[in-house]
Amino acid sequence: MIVKSQRQRKIFFDGNSLSNFAGGSVANGFEYPMSAYTSLTDGTRPVFYPCGVGSKRTATLTTDFLTKILPLSAPNDIVVFMEITNESRDGLAAQTMIDNVQAYCLQARSYGLKVIVCTCPAGKLSGDPSDTVTRELAANVILRATWSTFADKLADVGAVTQFDSQADITNTTYYNADQLHLTSAGYVLVANAVYPQIQTLL
């Protein structure tokens, strides 16, 4: 009797610099995907793919998905997506940002992937529009209300008490000096919000 081997599932962490590895003390977001991944129960971990890219916007990531993630993926694989921050820095309205997040998620789901969508931590760089954080928080509110129409799970990173207000970005325990990227302690909090949602899909 021939027994077909089961394909191991894959998990893709996609988004901006909060999800990527840049090797520096500021854009050291790789700590979040790796921490979330290693927190998963032994024996259920899919193959790990960190895909986040610094400075990317949701609309660009939606296009990049077709060449970066789709060729490596198969139905029932998982993608964790977190990107509101950069589009907010560009001045986009909260609803527009969520429309773009929805487009990304629906595209991934159309190919059979399971999608965990994340709200974002508050954050802005010097020189960003003064209402950047206000629009990020507004986008998070919309995402909490609508995620179930286009994603499988919500990881509510933006509800973590260390990330949910303008005042938080000056807390150097969790934020780097640029007030956008996080410290190692901050990325652990992101991972703690994300990995339980991954576990539910395994």
Protein backbone atom coordinates (compact mmCIF):
# COMPACT_ATOMS: atom_id res chain seq x y z
CA MET A 1 0.00 0.00 0.00
CA ILE A 2 1.31 3.45 -0.95
CA VAL A 3 0.80 6.12 1.69
CA LYS A 4 0.95 9.69 0.49
CA SER A 5 3.06 11.95 2.69
CA GLN A 6 1.30 14.93 4.21
CA ARG A 7 2.56 18.34 3.18
CA GLN A 8 3.69 20.46 6.10
CA ARG A 9 1.75 23.71 6.36
CA LYS A 10 3.47 27.06 6.05
CA ILE A 11 3.03 30.31 7.94
CA PHE A 12 3.88 33.67 6.40
CA PHE A 13 4.38 36.83 8.46
CA ASP A 14 3.78 39.76 6.11
CA GLY A 15 3.76 43.49 6.65
CA ASN A 16 6.09 46.44 7.12
CA SER A 17 9.25 46.93 9.20
CA LEU A 18 7.43 45.84 12.37
CA SER A 19 7.39 42.35 10.84
CA ASN A 20 10.74 42.24 9.08
CA PHE A 21 14.38 41.62 9.88
CA ALA A 22 16.61 44.60 9.22
CA GLY A 23 19.33 43.64 11.67
CA GLY A 24 19.35 46.96 13.48
CA SER A 25 18.31 48.12 16.91
CA VAL A 26 15.33 50.06 15.54
CA ALA A 27 13.79 48.05 12.70
CA ASN A 28 14.33 44.77 14.50
CA GLY A 29 10.83 43.48 13.92
CA PHE A 30 11.98 39.96 13.16
CA GLU A 31 11.79 39.45 16.91
CA TYR A 32 8.00 39.48 16.75
CA PRO A 33 7.49 36.78 14.09
CA MET A 34 10.15 34.54 15.62
CA SER A 35 8.82 34.99 19.14
CA ALA A 36 5.27 34.25 18.00
CA TYR A 37 6.43 31.22 16.06
CA THR A 38 8.50 29.68 18.85
CA SER A 39 5.60 30.17 21.26
CA LEU A 40 3.48 27.71 19.26
CA THR A 41 2.95 24.25 20.66
CA ASP A 42 5.68 21.81 19.66
CA GLY A 43 4.59 19.42 16.96
CA THR A 44 2.11 21.81 15.35
CA ARG A 45 4.46 24.44 13.98
CA PRO A 46 4.23 25.07 10.23
CA VAL A 47 7.25 26.04 8.14
CA PHE A 48 8.25 29.60 9.05
CA TYR A 49 8.46 32.40 6.44
CA PRO A 50 9.19 35.99 7.59
CA CYS A 51 8.08 38.19 4.68
CA GLY A 52 7.74 41.70 6.10
CA VAL A 53 9.53 44.50 4.25
CA GLY A 54 10.48 47.86 5.72
CA SER A 55 8.66 50.92 4.35
CA LYS A 56 6.09 48.88 2.43
CA ARG A 57 2.48 50.01 2.23
CA THR A 58 -0.55 47.73 2.20
CA ALA A 59 -1.39 48.40 -1.44
CA THR A 60 2.15 47.42 -2.49
CA LEU A 61 2.16 44.34 -0.27
CA THR A 62 -1.08 43.23 -1.92
CA THR A 63 0.65 43.29 -5.31
CA ASP A 64 3.84 41.72 -3.94
CA PHE A 65 1.82 38.85 -2.46
CA LEU A 66 1.38 37.41 -5.95
CA THR A 67 5.11 36.92 -6.49
CA LYS A 68 6.41 36.68 -2.92
CA ILE A 69 3.94 34.45 -1.08
CA LEU A 70 1.57 32.85 -3.57
CA PRO A 71 4.22 30.73 -5.38
CA LEU A 72 5.32 29.24 -2.04
CA SER A 73 1.88 28.70 -0.57
CA ALA A 74 -0.97 26.24 -0.80
CA PRO A 75 -4.55 26.19 0.49
CA ASN A 76 -4.77 26.03 4.29
CA ASP A 77 -1.43 27.75 4.83
CA ILE A 78 -1.54 30.75 7.17
CA VAL A 79 -0.63 34.38 6.60
CA VAL A 80 -0.34 36.87 9.47
CA PHE A 81 -0.74 40.41 8.15
CA MET A 82 0.05 43.68 9.96
CA GLU A 83 0.25 46.98 8.06
CA ILE A 84 -1.65 50.14 8.82
CA THR A 85 1.23 52.22 10.11
CA ASN A 86 2.92 53.26 6.87
CA GLU A 87 -0.27 54.22 5.10
CA SER A 88 -1.24 56.30 8.11
CA ARG A 89 2.13 58.04 7.88
CA ASP A 90 1.18 58.90 4.28
CA GLY A 91 -1.97 60.65 5.50
CA LEU A 92 -4.56 58.12 4.31
CA ALA A 93 -7.98 58.15 5.92
CA ALA A 94 -8.79 55.35 8.37
CA GLN A 95 -11.45 53.78 6.13
CA THR A 96 -9.14 53.85 3.10
CA MET A 97 -6.44 52.04 5.08
CA ILE A 98 -8.89 49.34 6.11
CA ASP A 99 -10.22 49.04 2.57
CA ASN A 100 -6.65 48.28 1.52
CA VAL A 101 -6.18 45.77 4.34
CA GLN A 102 -9.41 44.10 3.26
CA ALA A 103 -8.18 43.83 -0.33
CA TYR A 104 -5.00 42.10 0.83
CA CYS A 105 -6.87 39.66 3.04
CA LEU A 106 -9.53 38.80 0.48
CA GLN A 107 -6.86 38.13 -2.12
CA ALA A 108 -5.02 35.76 0.20
CA ARG A 109 -8.23 33.97 1.13
CA SER A 110 -9.19 33.63 -2.53
CA TYR A 111 -6.20 31.28 -2.87
CA GLY A 112 -7.29 29.25 0.14
CA LEU A 113 -4.97 30.72 2.75
CA LYS A 114 -6.10 31.31 6.32
CA VAL A 115 -5.62 34.96 7.28
CA ILE A 116 -4.88 36.47 10.67
CA VAL A 117 -5.15 40.24 10.42
CA CYS A 118 -3.60 42.49 13.06
CA THR A 119 -4.50 45.89 14.39
CA CYS A 120 -1.44 48.10 14.69
CA PRO A 121 0.42 49.62 17.63
CA ALA A 122 0.36 53.39 17.87
CA GLY A 123 3.44 54.99 16.37
CA LYS A 124 4.77 57.87 14.29
CA LEU A 125 8.09 59.25 13.19
CA SER A 126 9.19 62.85 13.55
CA GLY A 127 7.87 64.73 10.55
CA ASP A 128 4.82 62.49 10.07
CA PRO A 129 1.39 64.18 10.01
CA SER A 130 0.36 65.29 13.49
CA ASP A 131 -2.79 63.13 13.36
CA THR A 132 -0.97 59.93 12.34
CA VAL A 133 -1.69 58.10 15.58
CA THR A 134 -5.28 59.36 15.66
CA ARG A 135 -5.90 57.80 12.25
CA GLU A 136 -4.13 54.58 13.24
CA LEU A 137 -6.37 54.22 16.26
CA ALA A 138 -9.45 55.01 14.16
CA ALA A 139 -8.41 52.36 11.64
CA ASN A 140 -8.02 49.85 14.47
CA VAL A 141 -11.60 50.57 15.57
CA ILE A 142 -12.89 49.89 12.06
CA LEU A 143 -10.81 46.74 11.77
CA ARG A 144 -12.19 45.37 15.05
CA ALA A 145 -15.71 45.90 13.75
CA THR A 146 -15.23 44.42 10.28
CA TRP A 147 -12.41 41.84 10.29
CA SER A 148 -14.72 38.82 10.31
CA THR A 149 -15.96 39.71 6.82
CA PHE A 150 -12.53 39.28 5.24
CA ALA A 151 -10.20 37.40 7.62
CA ASP A 152 -10.24 34.24 9.72
CA LYS A 153 -8.85 35.67 12.96
CA LEU A 154 -8.02 39.03 14.51
CA ALA A 155 -4.86 39.60 16.53
CA ASP A 156 -5.65 42.82 18.39
CA VAL A 157 -2.12 44.15 18.80
CA GLY A 158 -3.42 47.70 19.00
CA ALA A 159 -5.50 46.87 22.07
CA VAL A 160 -2.41 46.04 24.13
CA THR A 161 -2.35 48.73 26.82
CA GLN A 162 1.26 49.66 26.00
CA PHE A 163 0.30 50.41 22.36
CA ASP A 164 -3.17 51.94 22.42
CA SER A 165 -2.62 55.68 22.81
CA GLN A 166 -0.54 58.61 21.60
CA ALA A 167 1.10 58.85 25.03
CA ASP A 168 2.44 55.28 24.77
CA ILE A 169 4.91 56.07 21.99
CA THR A 170 7.19 57.93 24.39
CA ASN A 171 7.55 54.88 26.66
CA THR A 172 11.13 53.75 26.03
CA THR A 173 10.51 50.37 27.65
CA TYR A 174 8.46 49.33 24.63
CA TYR A 175 9.30 51.89 21.92
CA ASN A 176 12.60 52.82 20.34
CA ALA A 177 13.65 56.47 20.30
CA ASP A 178 12.01 56.98 16.90
CA GLN A 179 8.59 56.34 18.54
CA LEU A 180 7.50 54.00 15.76
CA HIS A 181 9.57 50.84 16.00
CA LEU A 182 9.64 48.76 19.14
CA THR A 183 12.17 47.43 21.60
CA SER A 184 12.62 43.73 22.23
CA ALA A 185 10.14 44.02 25.10
CA GLY A 186 7.64 45.64 22.73
CA TYR A 187 7.96 42.92 20.12
CA VAL A 188 7.32 40.29 22.78
CA LEU A 189 3.98 41.98 23.49
CA VAL A 190 3.13 41.87 19.77
CA ALA A 191 4.00 38.17 19.67
CA ASN A 192 1.88 37.51 22.75
CA ALA A 193 -1.13 39.00 20.95
CA VAL A 194 -0.51 37.06 17.75
CA TYR A 195 0.53 33.53 18.63
CA PRO A 196 -2.70 32.44 20.39
CA GLN A 197 -4.60 33.29 17.20
CA ILE A 198 -2.20 31.20 15.15
CA GLN A 199 -2.62 28.30 17.54
CA THR A 200 -6.37 28.27 16.96
CA LEU A 201 -5.81 27.61 13.24
CA LEU A 202 -3.41 24.69 13.67
